[in-house]
């Protein structure tokens, strides 16, 4: 009887441990069951070529659109976004191809905002001039969608510090060139000639929103870049690369697209890109699959041939883990003095217990303030806290950067904290004018009036009423 009870207890504990270990992790695993799709959202307008063309001046304006996939029931207000860019060799394809739709749904179920875009097509495969211009137009369109999402980040609950590109084939060309090329590296062909128009700068088409168009990280599936020298230390954009060694469409090393078509631009494939990134010490991860062809996850021009194969699942697993690690690679060092300190939480973290974030702190000394002091065990972004230490020191916290936060304040004194970078108190959005000017105080052994909120620090502020304020970094 005792043995049976022991076995039951052991089985019960094992079941609990298995259950805990199987808990899905947002952004790595699918944590939502359903996805909502908003179709045909216009992100810009630009001159396009007809499907059949002889001259590059024969253009007409089109709307550039995208489909937005979001998880149903999501309450997060700062979500990373992945922009999926389809295949098609720059003369075919659209944002509803099998692979980008499957990826968009999969990303949204993981908690991302997923965006599948259409971009301008138009390529004469007998012309290197036309090929360079086709890639460049796609780069301009990707720039436009990144700038659009930064402009309307609050509408779509997007974290502008985590905007990622995921391109396949031609879409990967676009992602790589947007990430690693600059306006002063434009091919001569993009300036036009004769009656062909100058295509303008990278950020000069689609829309006029003035934001950084570089992605925060890139997933590149069987892509290439025109010039390895365009990749330099200033282009420190993390990238994960996938490519089959037997790719006859886009060279694994260097060569001409479609293997024998010497009339298109000479390009450098993923293996060469990996070498350049390693040479410069830039963050990258490389997956070269021996003996595999172009689009080796089971598609031809983005459509399933016999359905997705095992590589499709593996590529997703590797890519989502890579992006997850990029999001949680923010490090902020917080200095503290002996005795009492005013602190805050400047990053989104997986574990917010005070004894985990500040292992050198004195147990049981974390206090928030809500008209009176309240003992706490964990920290929340936007709140300020008292915390005590035996000795002075510093601690590094890792997590996702936070560039905007709304804080609910009570009438009177409040303890708050800032964002992941310094912000001025004069930039705080206070629509109801509840903040009493000159009442921001930090603490460093004594109270100090301040106009700058630093990451990881806590601050007193006084109000003339209750309401909400919003902290926004530039």
Protein backbone atom coordinates (compact mmCIF):
# COMPACT_ATOMS: atom_id res chain seq x y z
CA UNK A 1 0.00 0.00 0.00
CA UNK A 2 2.83 2.38 0.95
CA UNK A 3 4.65 1.52 -2.30
CA UNK A 4 1.52 2.19 -4.32
CA UNK A 5 1.04 5.58 -2.66
CA UNK A 6 4.68 6.40 -3.32
CA UNK A 7 4.33 5.50 -7.00
CA UNK A 8 1.17 7.59 -7.29
CA UNK A 9 2.96 10.60 -5.76
CA UNK A 10 5.95 10.13 -8.07
CA UNK A 11 3.68 9.84 -11.12
CA UNK A 12 1.79 12.96 -10.00
CA UNK A 13 5.02 14.97 -9.61
CA UNK A 14 6.31 13.81 -12.99
CA UNK A 15 3.02 14.85 -14.60
CA UNK A 16 3.30 18.32 -13.04
CA UNK A 17 6.91 18.71 -14.19
CA UNK A 18 6.02 17.58 -17.70
CA UNK A 19 3.13 20.01 -17.76
CA UNK A 20 5.36 22.87 -16.62
CA UNK A 21 8.09 22.03 -19.13
CA UNK A 22 5.52 21.92 -21.90
CA UNK A 23 4.21 25.41 -21.26
CA UNK A 24 4.41 27.30 -24.57
CA UNK A 25 6.65 30.36 -24.82
CA UNK A 26 5.30 33.40 -26.63
CA UNK A 27 7.20 34.24 -29.84
CA UNK A 28 8.69 30.73 -29.96
CA UNK A 29 5.59 28.53 -29.75
CA UNK A 30 2.07 28.99 -31.05
CA UNK A 31 0.20 30.38 -28.04
CA UNK A 32 -2.96 31.63 -29.81
CA UNK A 33 -5.54 29.49 -31.55
CA UNK A 34 -7.04 31.99 -33.96
CA UNK A 35 -5.81 34.79 -36.20
CA UNK A 36 -7.60 37.78 -37.66
CA UNK A 37 -6.55 39.13 -41.08
CA UNK A 38 -6.97 42.70 -42.23
CA UNK A 39 -6.56 42.64 -46.00
CA UNK A 40 -5.41 45.22 -48.53
CA UNK A 41 -4.09 47.84 -46.11
CA UNK A 42 -2.44 50.52 -48.26
CA UNK A 43 1.04 51.48 -47.05
CA UNK A 44 2.09 53.62 -50.00
CA UNK A 45 1.76 54.62 -53.63
CA UNK A 46 4.47 54.46 -56.29
CA UNK A 47 5.06 54.33 -60.08
CA UNK A 48 4.91 50.77 -61.42
CA UNK A 49 5.72 49.11 -64.73
CA UNK A 50 3.16 47.18 -66.79
CA UNK A 51 3.53 43.40 -66.77
CA UNK A 52 4.94 43.52 -70.31
CA UNK A 53 7.17 46.51 -70.95
CA UNK A 54 9.88 47.68 -73.30
CA UNK A 55 10.78 50.97 -71.65
CA UNK A 56 11.18 51.91 -67.98
CA UNK A 57 9.56 55.31 -68.42
CA UNK A 58 6.17 53.76 -69.21
CA UNK A 59 4.91 53.73 -65.60
CA UNK A 60 1.62 54.24 -63.83
CA UNK A 61 0.95 54.82 -60.14
CA UNK A 62 -0.34 51.95 -58.01
CA UNK A 63 -1.25 51.54 -54.36
CA UNK A 64 1.14 49.35 -52.40
CA UNK A 65 -0.81 47.10 -50.05
CA UNK A 66 -0.35 44.46 -47.40
CA UNK A 67 -2.33 41.98 -45.32
CA UNK A 68 -1.97 42.23 -41.54
CA UNK A 69 -2.30 39.10 -39.39
CA UNK A 70 -2.93 39.45 -35.65
CA UNK A 71 -3.64 36.96 -32.86
CA UNK A 72 -7.23 36.95 -31.63
CA UNK A 73 -7.54 37.84 -27.96
CA UNK A 74 -4.07 39.36 -27.60
CA UNK A 75 -3.79 42.02 -24.90
CA UNK A 76 -0.17 43.01 -25.51
CA UNK A 77 0.24 46.63 -26.62
CA UNK A 78 3.87 46.51 -27.79
CA UNK A 79 4.20 43.55 -30.11
CA UNK A 80 7.06 42.70 -32.45
CA UNK A 81 6.20 42.64 -36.15
CA UNK A 82 7.51 40.45 -38.98
CA UNK A 83 7.22 41.72 -42.54
CA UNK A 84 7.09 38.78 -44.97
CA UNK A 85 8.34 39.44 -48.52
CA UNK A 86 7.34 36.89 -51.15
CA UNK A 87 9.27 35.11 -53.90
CA UNK A 88 8.77 35.39 -57.67
CA UNK A 89 12.00 36.60 -59.33
CA UNK A 90 10.65 40.19 -59.47
CA UNK A 91 8.21 39.45 -62.30
CA UNK A 92 5.61 37.27 -60.54
CA UNK A 93 4.22 36.46 -57.11
CA UNK A 94 1.99 38.16 -54.57
CA UNK A 95 1.38 38.33 -50.83
CA UNK A 96 -1.01 35.36 -50.80
CA UNK A 97 1.48 32.73 -51.94
CA UNK A 98 1.32 29.52 -49.93
CA UNK A 99 4.52 29.97 -47.94
CA UNK A 100 4.10 33.61 -46.85
CA UNK A 101 0.48 32.98 -45.84
CA UNK A 102 1.49 29.94 -43.78
CA UNK A 103 4.34 31.90 -42.21
CA UNK A 104 2.11 34.89 -41.43
CA UNK A 105 -0.48 32.71 -39.70
CA UNK A 106 2.23 30.86 -37.80
CA UNK A 107 3.86 34.13 -36.69
CA UNK A 108 0.56 35.65 -35.54
CA UNK A 109 -0.23 32.53 -33.51
CA UNK A 110 3.12 33.02 -31.80
CA UNK A 111 2.11 36.54 -30.76
CA UNK A 112 3.66 38.60 -33.53
CA UNK A 113 1.94 41.10 -35.75
CA UNK A 114 2.59 39.55 -39.17
CA UNK A 115 2.54 41.60 -42.35
CA UNK A 116 2.60 40.08 -45.83
CA UNK A 117 3.32 42.72 -48.46
CA UNK A 118 2.90 43.24 -52.15
CA UNK A 119 5.72 45.14 -53.82
CA UNK A 120 6.32 46.42 -57.33
CA UNK A 121 7.29 43.86 -59.96
CA UNK A 122 8.87 44.32 -63.37
CA UNK A 123 11.97 42.61 -64.71
CA UNK A 124 13.54 42.05 -68.10
CA UNK A 125 15.61 38.90 -67.52
CA UNK A 126 17.81 39.84 -70.48
CA UNK A 127 18.95 43.06 -68.84
CA UNK A 128 21.29 43.62 -65.91
CA UNK A 129 20.13 47.24 -65.92
CA UNK A 130 16.51 46.15 -65.50
CA UNK A 131 17.45 43.59 -62.83
CA UNK A 132 19.17 46.16 -60.64
CA UNK A 133 16.27 48.56 -60.93
CA UNK A 134 13.76 45.82 -60.10
CA UNK A 135 15.58 44.96 -56.87
CA UNK A 136 15.91 48.63 -55.95
CA UNK A 137 12.17 49.29 -56.39
CA UNK A 138 11.48 46.36 -54.06
CA UNK A 139 13.91 47.82 -51.51
CA UNK A 140 12.09 51.16 -51.69
CA UNK A 141 8.77 49.41 -51.09
CA UNK A 142 10.14 47.52 -48.08
CA UNK A 143 11.45 50.84 -46.76
CA UNK A 144 7.98 52.33 -47.19
CA UNK A 145 6.25 49.57 -45.23
CA UNK A 146 8.77 49.78 -42.36
CA UNK A 147 8.25 53.55 -42.17
CA UNK A 148 4.47 53.10 -42.34
CA UNK A 149 4.50 50.67 -39.42
CA UNK A 150 6.66 52.97 -37.35
CA UNK A 151 4.26 55.86 -38.11
CA UNK A 152 1.16 53.87 -37.09
CA UNK A 153 2.73 51.68 -34.40
CA UNK A 154 0.15 52.66 -31.78
CA UNK A 155 -2.73 51.76 -34.08
CA UNK A 156 -1.41 48.23 -34.57
CA UNK A 157 0.14 47.86 -31.08
CA UNK A 158 3.62 47.47 -32.55
CA UNK A 159 6.93 47.68 -30.74
CA UNK A 160 9.03 49.84 -33.07
CA UNK A 161 12.24 48.45 -31.55
CA UNK A 162 11.41 45.02 -32.96
CA UNK A 163 10.48 45.29 -36.63
CA UNK A 164 11.83 42.27 -38.52
CA UNK A 165 12.00 41.31 -42.21
CA UNK A 166 11.61 37.74 -43.48
CA UNK A 167 12.27 37.35 -47.18
CA UNK A 168 12.23 34.33 -49.42
CA UNK A 169 14.15 34.30 -52.74
CA UNK A 170 13.42 37.69 -54.39
CA UNK A 171 12.02 38.82 -51.06
CA UNK A 172 15.33 37.93 -49.44
CA UNK A 173 17.18 40.05 -52.03
CA UNK A 174 14.99 42.94 -50.92
CA UNK A 175 15.59 42.33 -47.21
CA UNK A 176 19.36 41.99 -47.57
CA UNK A 177 19.69 45.12 -49.71
CA UNK A 178 17.51 47.20 -47.38
CA UNK A 179 19.48 46.02 -44.35
CA UNK A 180 22.97 46.47 -45.74
CA UNK A 181 22.99 49.08 -48.52
CA UNK A 182 22.91 52.89 -48.32
CA UNK A 183 21.94 55.69 -50.69
CA UNK A 184 25.57 56.39 -51.61
CA UNK A 185 25.89 52.76 -52.75
CA UNK A 186 23.08 52.92 -55.30
CA UNK A 187 23.79 51.13 -58.60
CA UNK A 188 24.27 53.54 -61.51
CA UNK A 189 21.23 52.02 -63.21
CA UNK A 190 18.91 53.41 -60.52
CA UNK A 191 19.68 56.95 -61.65
CA UNK A 192 18.05 56.18 -65.00
CA UNK A 193 19.08 57.39 -68.39
CA UNK A 194 17.46 58.65 -71.54
CA UNK A 195 13.78 58.88 -70.68
CA UNK A 196 14.02 56.41 -67.80
CA UNK A 197 13.37 58.14 -64.45
CA UNK A 198 15.79 58.46 -61.57
CA UNK A 199 14.30 56.11 -58.94
CA UNK A 200 15.35 58.40 -56.09
CA UNK A 201 16.72 57.53 -52.67
CA UNK A 202 15.82 54.39 -50.74
CA UNK A 203 13.33 56.26 -48.53
CA UNK A 204 12.00 58.48 -51.31
CA UNK A 205 9.10 56.38 -52.61
CA UNK A 206 5.85 54.93 -51.33
CA UNK A 207 5.08 57.46 -48.62
CA UNK A 208 6.59 60.49 -46.91
CA UNK A 209 6.75 59.17 -43.34
CA UNK A 210 10.06 60.20 -41.80
CA UNK A 211 11.36 57.21 -39.85
CA UNK A 212 14.32 54.86 -39.84
CA UNK A 213 13.66 52.22 -42.50
CA UNK A 214 16.23 49.67 -41.35
CA UNK A 215 14.86 46.45 -39.82
CA UNK A 216 15.96 45.35 -36.37
CA UNK A 217 16.80 41.85 -37.63
CA UNK A 218 16.44 39.82 -40.82
CA UNK A 219 15.52 36.27 -41.83
CA UNK A 220 16.96 35.48 -45.27
CA UNK A 221 15.84 32.39 -47.17
CA UNK A 222 17.95 31.62 -50.28
CA UNK A 223 18.81 35.23 -51.06
CA UNK A 224 21.82 37.18 -52.29
CA UNK A 225 23.34 40.66 -52.37
CA UNK A 226 25.02 42.53 -55.23
CA UNK A 227 28.11 43.75 -53.39
CA UNK A 228 29.64 42.27 -50.23
CA UNK A 229 31.40 45.58 -49.53
CA UNK A 230 28.00 47.11 -48.83
CA UNK A 231 28.01 45.11 -45.60
CA UNK A 232 30.04 47.19 -43.15
CA UNK A 233 30.30 47.54 -39.35
CA UNK A 234 27.69 50.31 -39.33
CA UNK A 235 25.12 47.85 -40.72
CA UNK A 236 24.97 45.86 -37.50
CA UNK A 237 21.67 44.16 -38.25
CA UNK A 238 21.45 40.55 -37.00
CA UNK A 239 20.62 38.07 -39.76
CA UNK A 240 19.86 34.35 -39.97
CA UNK A 241 20.56 32.83 -43.39
CA UNK A 242 19.14 29.67 -44.99
CA UNK A 243 20.42 28.33 -48.32
CA UNK A 244 20.74 25.00 -50.14
CA UNK A 245 24.17 24.15 -51.50
CA UNK A 246 22.68 22.91 -54.82
CA UNK A 247 20.60 26.05 -55.49
CA UNK A 248 20.53 26.63 -59.26
CA UNK A 249 18.38 29.76 -59.07
CA UNK A 250 20.23 31.92 -56.55
CA UNK A 251 23.92 31.00 -56.08
CA UNK A 252 24.93 29.54 -52.74
CA UNK A 253 28.32 31.23 -53.13
CA UNK A 254 28.67 33.76 -55.97
CA UNK A 255 27.48 33.84 -59.56
CA UNK A 256 24.62 34.78 -61.82
CA UNK A 257 20.96 34.11 -60.93
CA UNK A 258 19.43 31.19 -62.84
CA UNK A 259 22.98 29.77 -63.15
CA UNK A 260 23.58 30.51 -66.83
CA UNK A 261 21.84 33.86 -67.28
CA UNK A 262 24.89 36.13 -67.51
CA UNK A 263 22.65 39.04 -68.50
CA UNK A 264 21.43 39.52 -64.93
CA UNK A 265 23.65 41.09 -62.23
CA UNK A 266 26.41 39.02 -60.63
CA UNK A 267 25.47 38.41 -56.97
CA UNK A 268 26.84 36.89 -53.76
CA UNK A 269 24.80 34.22 -52.01
CA UNK A 270 24.33 33.31 -48.38
CA UNK A 271 27.62 31.47 -47.88
CA UNK A 272 29.59 34.52 -49.06
CA UNK A 273 27.40 36.84 -47.00
CA UNK A 274 28.05 34.67 -43.93
CA UNK A 275 31.79 35.00 -44.57
CA UNK A 276 31.60 38.79 -44.79
CA UNK A 277 29.49 39.04 -41.62
CA UNK A 278 31.93 36.82 -39.73
CA UNK A 279 34.87 38.86 -41.01
CA UNK A 280 33.32 41.99 -39.52
CA UNK A 281 32.17 40.27 -36.34
CA UNK A 282 28.49 41.00 -37.07
CA UNK A 283 25.74 38.91 -35.50
CA UNK A 284 24.57 36.11 -37.79
CA UNK A 285 23.46 32.49 -37.87
CA UNK A 286 23.94 30.32 -40.95
CA UNK A 287 22.17 27.18 -42.15
CA UNK A 288 23.60 25.75 -45.38
CA UNK A 289 21.75 22.57 -46.26
CA UNK A 290 23.96 20.13 -48.15
CA UNK A 291 22.50 18.94 -51.46
CA UNK A 292 19.32 21.01 -51.19
CA UNK A 293 17.91 23.11 -54.06
CA UNK A 294 16.21 26.50 -54.19
CA UNK A 295 13.15 26.88 -51.90
CA UNK A 296 13.97 23.57 -50.25
CA UNK A 297 11.09 23.83 -47.77
CA UNK A 298 8.75 22.46 -50.46
CA UNK A 299 7.63 25.36 -52.66
CA UNK A 300 8.08 26.43 -56.26
CA UNK A 301 7.76 30.22 -56.60
CA UNK A 302 6.13 30.30 -53.17
CA UNK A 303 3.46 27.64 -53.79
CA UNK A 304 3.55 24.16 -52.30
CA UNK A 305 4.55 21.42 -54.72
CA UNK A 306 3.52 18.54 -52.46
CA UNK A 307 2.89 20.51 -49.30
CA UNK A 308 5.45 21.74 -46.76
CA UNK A 309 8.21 19.30 -45.85
CA UNK A 310 10.21 18.80 -42.66
CA UNK A 311 12.52 21.69 -43.56
CA UNK A 312 9.64 24.15 -43.35
CA UNK A 313 9.09 23.30 -39.68
CA UNK A 314 12.80 23.32 -38.95
CA UNK A 315 13.40 26.68 -40.62
CA UNK A 316 10.52 28.19 -38.68
CA UNK A 317 11.85 26.78 -35.42
CA UNK A 318 15.36 28.11 -36.05
CA UNK A 319 14.17 31.51 -37.27
CA UNK A 320 11.67 32.18 -34.49
CA UNK A 321 14.25 31.21 -31.88
CA UNK A 322 16.77 33.56 -33.52
CA UNK A 323 14.30 36.46 -33.47
CA UNK A 324 13.33 35.67 -29.89
CA UNK A 325 16.97 35.93 -28.87
CA UNK A 326 17.24 39.29 -30.64
CA UNK A 327 14.30 40.65 -28.69
CA UNK A 328 15.72 39.54 -25.37
CA UNK A 329 19.26 40.75 -25.99
CA UNK A 330 18.77 44.21 -24.47
CA UNK A 331 21.09 44.76 -21.53
CA UNK A 332 20.88 47.67 -19.09
CA UNK A 333 23.28 48.06 -16.18
CA UNK A 334 21.72 49.60 -13.05
CA UNK A 335 23.97 51.02 -10.36
CA UNK A 336 22.85 51.11 -6.74
CA UNK A 337 24.23 52.52 -3.51
CA UNK A 338 24.41 50.97 -0.09
CA UNK A 339 21.16 51.28 1.86
CA UNK A 340 17.92 52.51 0.20
CA UNK A 341 17.52 53.14 -3.56
CA UNK A 342 14.72 54.26 -5.85
CA UNK A 343 14.61 51.78 -8.75
CA UNK A 344 12.46 50.83 -11.73
CA UNK A 345 12.21 48.12 -14.37
CA UNK A 346 13.48 49.47 -17.74
CA UNK A 347 12.91 46.38 -19.88
CA UNK A 348 10.27 43.77 -20.58
CA UNK A 349 11.59 40.65 -18.88
CA UNK A 350 10.55 37.04 -18.50
CA UNK A 351 11.06 37.01 -14.72
CA UNK A 352 10.35 40.16 -12.71
CA UNK A 353 10.93 38.96 -9.12
CA UNK A 354 13.12 41.46 -7.28
CA UNK A 355 15.43 38.78 -5.89
CA UNK A 356 16.02 37.54 -9.46
CA UNK A 357 16.57 40.97 -11.01
CA UNK A 358 18.59 42.23 -8.02
CA UNK A 359 20.09 39.18 -6.31
CA UNK A 360 22.23 41.35 -4.01
CA UNK A 361 19.23 43.19 -2.58
CA UNK A 362 18.01 42.61 0.97
CA UNK A 363 15.07 40.22 1.00
CA UNK A 364 11.71 41.76 1.86
CA UNK A 365 12.72 45.38 1.21
CA UNK A 366 10.89 46.05 -2.07
CA UNK A 367 8.14 48.67 -1.61
CA UNK A 368 5.80 50.46 -4.01
CA UNK A 369 3.76 53.54 -3.10
CA UNK A 370 0.01 54.07 -3.49
CA UNK A 371 -0.83 56.69 -0.89
CA UNK A 372 1.12 54.45 1.47
CA UNK A 373 3.96 51.95 1.19
CA UNK A 374 3.12 48.43 0.00
CA UNK A 375 5.48 45.43 0.23
CA UNK A 376 6.08 43.79 -3.16
CA UNK A 377 7.91 40.77 -4.52
CA UNK A 378 8.11 41.68 -8.24
CA UNK A 379 8.47 44.79 -10.37
CA UNK A 380 6.18 46.23 -13.06
CA UNK A 381 7.27 48.57 -15.87
CA UNK A 382 6.38 52.19 -15.16
CA UNK A 383 6.27 51.88 -11.39
CA UNK A 384 8.96 53.11 -9.04
CA UNK A 385 10.11 51.19 -5.96
CA UNK A 386 12.25 51.46 -2.86
CA UNK A 387 14.79 48.64 -2.58
CA UNK A 388 17.58 48.23 -0.04
CA UNK A 389 21.10 46.85 -0.47
CA UNK A 390 23.86 46.10 2.04
CA UNK A 391 26.60 47.32 -0.29
CA UNK A 392 26.96 49.53 -3.36
CA UNK A 393 27.26 47.78 -6.73
CA UNK A 394 25.62 47.30 -10.10
CA UNK A 395 23.46 44.72 -11.81
CA UNK A 396 22.71 44.02 -15.49
CA UNK A 397 19.15 43.27 -16.58
CA UNK A 398 18.38 41.66 -19.96
CA UNK A 399 15.09 41.92 -21.80
CA UNK A 400 13.08 43.64 -24.53
CA UNK A 401 13.54 47.38 -24.89
CA UNK A 402 10.56 49.53 -23.99
CA UNK A 403 10.15 52.83 -25.84
CA UNK A 404 6.63 53.78 -24.77
CA UNK A 405 4.54 53.27 -21.65
CA UNK A 406 1.31 54.67 -20.24
CA UNK A 407 1.25 55.14 -16.47
CA UNK A 408 -1.80 55.66 -14.28
CA UNK A 409 -1.19 58.25 -11.54
CA UNK A 410 -3.06 59.10 -8.36
CA UNK A 411 -3.73 62.55 -6.94
CA UNK A 412 -0.69 63.63 -4.93
CA UNK A 413 2.72 61.95 -4.84
CA UNK A 414 3.51 58.95 -7.08
CA UNK A 415 6.52 56.67 -7.57
CA UNK A 416 7.24 56.04 -11.25
CA UNK A 417 10.07 54.86 -13.51
CA UNK A 418 11.09 55.59 -17.10
CA UNK A 419 11.84 53.66 -20.29
CA UNK A 420 14.84 51.83 -21.76
CA UNK A 421 16.67 55.06 -22.58
CA UNK A 422 16.90 58.54 -21.14
CA UNK A 423 13.81 60.70 -21.66
CA UNK A 424 13.09 64.30 -20.78
CA UNK A 425 10.21 65.06 -18.44
CA UNK A 426 9.20 67.75 -20.94
CA UNK A 427 8.50 65.07 -23.56
CA UNK A 428 5.95 63.27 -21.37
CA UNK A 429 2.46 63.27 -22.86
CA UNK A 430 0.20 64.75 -20.16
CA UNK A 431 -3.11 65.47 -21.89
CA UNK A 432 -4.94 66.41 -18.68
CA UNK A 433 -2.06 68.57 -17.34
CA UNK A 434 -2.04 66.71 -14.03
CA UNK A 435 1.74 66.87 -13.46
CA UNK A 436 2.83 69.73 -11.22
CA UNK A 437 5.92 71.28 -12.86
CA UNK A 438 9.18 70.97 -10.95
CA UNK A 439 8.12 67.98 -8.87
CA UNK A 440 10.23 65.19 -10.40
CA UNK A 441 12.72 63.94 -7.81
CA UNK A 442 15.29 61.17 -7.91
CA UNK A 443 17.21 59.83 -4.92
CA UNK A 444 20.95 59.45 -4.37
CA UNK A 445 21.31 59.48 -0.63
CA UNK A 446 19.09 62.55 -0.75
CA UNK A 447 16.37 63.89 -3.03
CA UNK A 448 17.48 65.59 -6.27
CA UNK A 449 15.17 67.46 -8.63
CA UNK A 450 15.55 66.12 -12.16
CA UNK A 451 14.39 66.74 -15.72
CA UNK A 452 15.78 63.45 -17.14
CA UNK A 453 14.38 60.01 -16.32
CA UNK A 454 17.15 57.42 -16.58
CA UNK A 455 16.60 53.70 -17.21
CA UNK A 456 16.37 51.62 -14.05
CA UNK A 457 15.85 54.59 -11.74
CA UNK A 458 12.73 55.41 -9.73
CA UNK A 459 11.30 58.92 -9.32
CA UNK A 460 8.77 60.83 -7.27
CA UNK A 461 6.31 63.04 -9.15
CA UNK A 462 3.38 65.05 -7.80
CA UNK A 463 0.03 65.58 -9.52
CA UNK A 464 -2.99 67.80 -8.98
CA UNK A 465 -5.39 65.00 -9.87
CA UNK A 466 -5.58 61.39 -10.99
CA UNK A 467 -5.13 60.40 -14.62
CA UNK A 468 -2.83 58.87 -17.19
CA UNK A 469 0.48 60.05 -18.66
CA UNK A 470 2.46 58.52 -21.53
CA UNK A 471 6.23 58.26 -21.72
CA UNK A 472 7.60 58.10 -25.28
CA UNK A 473 11.23 57.92 -26.38
CA UNK A 474 12.39 59.44 -29.67
